[in-house]
């Protein structure tokens, strides 16, 4: 699945760990999907918690996945997810 947007977030329960200013979702090698995101408003405390969920907004829809793997590179993140999102 390929998609892109400008609104998304990483969450721990109902707490916001980070907001996205831009994201792109692409198929991952070996299955699942890869989300490349530009982070803003990062809360280091909640970002260190587990399990995190990723919420991607596309128009009026919100796609939600549990994060399988998270790699941070400064204000950028690579987020790996599997399966279909919860709408």
N, C-alpha and C. Protein backbone atom coordinates (compact mmCIF):
# COMPACT_ATOMS: atom_id res chain seq x y z
N UNK A 1 0.84 -1.16 0.00
CA UNK A 1 0.00 0.00 0.00
C UNK A 1 0.90 1.24 0.00
N UNK A 2 0.62 2.17 -0.89
CA UNK A 2 1.34 3.44 -0.94
C UNK A 2 0.39 4.56 -0.57
N UNK A 3 0.84 5.45 0.29
CA UNK A 3 0.04 6.61 0.69
C UNK A 3 0.99 7.65 1.27
N UNK A 4 0.54 8.90 1.31
CA UNK A 4 1.33 9.98 1.89
C UNK A 4 0.38 11.00 2.49
N UNK A 5 0.88 11.71 3.50
CA UNK A 5 0.06 12.73 4.14
C UNK A 5 0.90 13.69 4.95
N UNK A 6 0.23 14.61 5.59
CA UNK A 6 0.92 15.63 6.37
C UNK A 6 0.50 15.64 7.84
N UNK A 7 -0.37 14.70 8.23
CA UNK A 7 -0.82 14.66 9.61
C UNK A 7 -0.78 13.23 10.12
N UNK A 8 -0.10 13.03 11.23
CA UNK A 8 -0.02 11.72 11.84
C UNK A 8 0.60 11.85 13.21
N UNK A 9 0.66 10.74 13.93
CA UNK A 9 1.25 10.79 15.27
C UNK A 9 1.63 9.40 15.75
N UNK A 10 2.54 9.37 16.69
CA UNK A 10 2.86 8.18 17.47
C UNK A 10 2.21 8.36 18.82
N UNK A 11 1.57 7.29 19.32
CA UNK A 11 0.84 7.37 20.59
C UNK A 11 1.20 6.21 21.49
N UNK A 12 1.15 6.48 22.78
CA UNK A 12 1.22 5.45 23.80
C UNK A 12 -0.11 5.55 24.54
N UNK A 13 -1.01 4.62 24.27
CA UNK A 13 -2.36 4.73 24.81
C UNK A 13 -3.00 6.00 24.26
N UNK A 14 -3.44 6.87 25.17
CA UNK A 14 -4.04 8.14 24.75
C UNK A 14 -3.04 9.29 24.77
N UNK A 15 -1.79 9.00 25.09
CA UNK A 15 -0.77 10.04 25.17
C UNK A 15 -0.06 10.21 23.82
N UNK A 16 0.19 11.43 23.44
CA UNK A 16 0.89 11.71 22.19
C UNK A 16 2.40 11.68 22.44
N UNK A 17 3.10 10.78 21.75
CA UNK A 17 4.55 10.68 21.86
C UNK A 17 5.25 11.60 20.86
N UNK A 18 4.65 11.77 19.67
CA UNK A 18 5.21 12.66 18.65
C UNK A 18 4.16 12.94 17.59
N UNK A 19 4.20 14.12 17.05
CA UNK A 19 3.35 14.49 15.91
C UNK A 19 4.19 14.47 14.64
N UNK A 20 3.54 14.22 13.51
CA UNK A 20 4.22 14.20 12.22
C UNK A 20 3.86 15.46 11.44
N UNK A 21 4.84 16.01 10.73
CA UNK A 21 4.55 17.11 9.81
C UNK A 21 4.44 16.57 8.38
N UNK A 22 4.91 15.34 8.17
CA UNK A 22 4.85 14.71 6.85
C UNK A 22 5.11 13.22 7.04
N UNK A 23 4.42 12.37 6.24
CA UNK A 23 4.67 10.94 6.30
C UNK A 23 4.44 10.31 4.93
N UNK A 24 5.09 9.16 4.73
CA UNK A 24 4.92 8.38 3.51
C UNK A 24 4.91 6.90 3.88
N UNK A 25 3.91 6.18 3.40
CA UNK A 25 3.74 4.75 3.68
C UNK A 25 4.03 3.97 2.40
N UNK A 26 4.91 2.98 2.48
CA UNK A 26 5.27 2.16 1.33
C UNK A 26 5.35 0.70 1.77
N UNK A 27 5.22 -0.24 0.82
CA UNK A 27 5.39 -1.65 1.17
C UNK A 27 6.81 -1.91 1.66
N UNK A 28 6.94 -2.78 2.65
CA UNK A 28 8.25 -3.12 3.21
C UNK A 28 8.75 -4.43 2.62
N UNK A 29 10.06 -4.54 2.50
CA UNK A 29 10.67 -5.79 2.05
C UNK A 29 10.37 -6.84 3.11
N UNK A 30 9.86 -7.99 2.72
CA UNK A 30 9.54 -9.06 3.66
C UNK A 30 8.14 -8.98 4.24
N UNK A 31 7.32 -8.04 3.75
CA UNK A 31 5.94 -7.93 4.22
C UNK A 31 5.74 -6.74 5.14
N UNK A 32 4.51 -6.40 5.33
CA UNK A 32 4.18 -5.25 6.16
C UNK A 32 4.37 -3.94 5.41
N UNK A 33 4.43 -2.86 6.14
CA UNK A 33 4.59 -1.53 5.54
C UNK A 33 5.62 -0.74 6.32
N UNK A 34 6.20 0.22 5.61
CA UNK A 34 7.20 1.12 6.18
C UNK A 34 6.64 2.53 6.12
N UNK A 35 6.69 3.23 7.23
CA UNK A 35 6.26 4.62 7.28
C UNK A 35 7.47 5.48 7.59
N UNK A 36 7.81 6.37 6.67
CA UNK A 36 8.87 7.36 6.89
C UNK A 36 8.19 8.65 7.30
N UNK A 37 8.58 9.20 8.45
CA UNK A 37 7.88 10.37 8.98
C UNK A 37 8.86 11.44 9.46
N UNK A 38 8.46 12.69 9.28
CA UNK A 38 9.17 13.84 9.85
C UNK A 38 8.46 14.18 11.15
N UNK A 39 9.21 14.15 12.26
CA UNK A 39 8.62 14.34 13.58
C UNK A 39 8.67 15.79 14.02
N UNK A 40 7.66 16.17 14.79
CA UNK A 40 7.66 17.47 15.47
C UNK A 40 6.98 17.26 16.81
N UNK A 41 7.13 18.19 17.72
CA UNK A 41 6.50 18.09 19.04
C UNK A 41 6.73 16.71 19.68
N UNK A 42 7.98 16.36 19.86
CA UNK A 42 8.35 15.05 20.40
C UNK A 42 8.32 15.07 21.92
N UNK A 43 7.69 14.07 22.52
CA UNK A 43 7.70 13.89 23.96
C UNK A 43 8.54 12.64 24.24
N UNK A 44 9.78 12.85 24.65
CA UNK A 44 10.73 11.74 24.84
C UNK A 44 10.23 10.69 25.84
N UNK A 45 9.53 11.13 26.88
CA UNK A 45 9.03 10.20 27.89
C UNK A 45 8.06 9.20 27.27
N UNK A 46 7.03 9.69 26.56
CA UNK A 46 6.04 8.78 25.97
C UNK A 46 6.62 8.01 24.79
N UNK A 47 7.58 8.59 24.10
CA UNK A 47 8.20 7.92 22.95
C UNK A 47 9.00 6.68 23.39
N UNK A 48 9.46 6.67 24.64
CA UNK A 48 10.23 5.54 25.15
C UNK A 48 9.34 4.39 25.63
N UNK A 49 8.02 4.60 25.68
CA UNK A 49 7.09 3.59 26.17
C UNK A 49 6.76 2.56 25.09
N UNK A 50 6.18 1.44 25.52
CA UNK A 50 5.77 0.39 24.60
C UNK A 50 4.51 -0.27 25.15
N UNK A 51 3.57 -0.64 24.30
CA UNK A 51 3.58 -0.57 22.84
C UNK A 51 3.10 0.79 22.33
N UNK A 52 3.72 1.25 21.27
CA UNK A 52 3.29 2.47 20.60
C UNK A 52 2.36 2.13 19.45
N UNK A 53 1.50 3.05 19.12
CA UNK A 53 0.69 2.93 17.91
C UNK A 53 1.00 4.11 17.01
N UNK A 54 0.85 3.89 15.71
CA UNK A 54 1.00 4.97 14.74
C UNK A 54 -0.39 5.27 14.19
N UNK A 55 -0.73 6.54 14.15
CA UNK A 55 -2.02 7.00 13.64
C UNK A 55 -1.74 7.90 12.44
N UNK A 56 -2.18 7.47 11.25
CA UNK A 56 -1.99 8.24 10.04
C UNK A 56 -3.33 8.80 9.58
N UNK A 57 -3.39 10.10 9.39
CA UNK A 57 -4.62 10.75 8.92
C UNK A 57 -4.52 10.98 7.42
N UNK A 58 -5.56 10.53 6.73
CA UNK A 58 -5.64 10.70 5.28
C UNK A 58 -7.06 11.17 4.99
N UNK A 59 -7.20 12.47 4.79
CA UNK A 59 -8.53 13.03 4.64
C UNK A 59 -9.27 12.91 5.96
N UNK A 60 -10.48 12.38 5.91
CA UNK A 60 -11.27 12.21 7.13
C UNK A 60 -11.04 10.86 7.80
N UNK A 61 -10.19 10.03 7.21
CA UNK A 61 -9.91 8.70 7.76
C UNK A 61 -8.66 8.71 8.62
N UNK A 62 -8.67 7.83 9.62
CA UNK A 62 -7.51 7.62 10.48
C UNK A 62 -7.16 6.14 10.44
N UNK A 63 -5.94 5.85 10.03
CA UNK A 63 -5.45 4.48 10.02
C UNK A 63 -4.58 4.29 11.25
N UNK A 64 -4.81 3.18 11.98
CA UNK A 64 -4.08 2.93 13.22
C UNK A 64 -3.45 1.54 13.17
N UNK A 65 -2.16 1.47 13.45
CA UNK A 65 -1.43 0.20 13.55
C UNK A 65 -0.64 0.19 14.84
N UNK A 66 -0.35 -1.01 15.35
CA UNK A 66 0.63 -1.15 16.41
C UNK A 66 2.01 -1.10 15.76
N UNK A 67 2.92 -0.37 16.37
CA UNK A 67 4.28 -0.25 15.85
C UNK A 67 5.03 -1.55 16.10
N UNK A 68 5.61 -2.11 15.04
CA UNK A 68 6.43 -3.32 15.15
C UNK A 68 7.88 -2.97 15.42
N UNK A 69 8.37 -1.89 14.80
CA UNK A 69 9.75 -1.45 14.97
C UNK A 69 9.81 0.05 14.72
N UNK A 70 10.62 0.74 15.50
CA UNK A 70 10.76 2.19 15.39
C UNK A 70 12.23 2.54 15.39
N UNK A 71 12.66 3.26 14.36
CA UNK A 71 14.05 3.73 14.26
C UNK A 71 14.01 5.25 14.17
N UNK A 72 14.67 5.91 15.10
CA UNK A 72 14.71 7.37 15.12
C UNK A 72 16.04 7.87 14.58
N UNK A 73 15.98 8.93 13.77
CA UNK A 73 17.16 9.56 13.19
C UNK A 73 16.96 11.06 13.31
N UNK A 74 17.25 11.62 14.47
CA UNK A 74 17.00 13.04 14.70
C UNK A 74 15.51 13.31 14.68
N UNK A 75 15.07 14.18 13.77
CA UNK A 75 13.64 14.52 13.66
C UNK A 75 12.92 13.65 12.63
N UNK A 76 13.55 12.56 12.23
CA UNK A 76 12.93 11.63 11.28
C UNK A 76 12.76 10.27 11.95
N UNK A 77 11.78 9.51 11.47
CA UNK A 77 11.54 8.18 12.01
C UNK A 77 11.20 7.22 10.88
N UNK A 78 11.60 5.97 11.05
CA UNK A 78 11.18 4.87 10.20
C UNK A 78 10.37 3.95 11.11
N UNK A 79 9.11 3.75 10.73
CA UNK A 79 8.17 2.99 11.55
C UNK A 79 7.71 1.78 10.74
N UNK A 80 7.89 0.59 11.27
CA UNK A 80 7.46 -0.63 10.59
C UNK A 80 6.17 -1.13 11.22
N UNK A 81 5.21 -1.47 10.35
CA UNK A 81 3.91 -2.00 10.80
C UNK A 81 3.58 -3.24 9.97
N UNK A 82 2.67 -4.08 10.49
CA UNK A 82 2.23 -5.27 9.77
C UNK A 82 0.73 -5.33 9.75
N UNK A 83 0.19 -6.03 8.75
CA UNK A 83 -1.24 -6.25 8.67
C UNK A 83 -2.00 -5.04 8.18
N UNK A 84 -3.31 -5.11 8.35
CA UNK A 84 -4.20 -4.04 7.93
C UNK A 84 -4.44 -3.07 9.08
N UNK A 85 -4.62 -1.80 8.77
CA UNK A 85 -4.88 -0.84 9.84
C UNK A 85 -6.29 -0.97 10.40
N UNK A 86 -6.44 -0.52 11.64
CA UNK A 86 -7.76 -0.33 12.21
C UNK A 86 -8.24 1.03 11.75
N UNK A 87 -9.47 1.10 11.27
CA UNK A 87 -9.97 2.38 10.78
C UNK A 87 -10.77 3.08 11.85
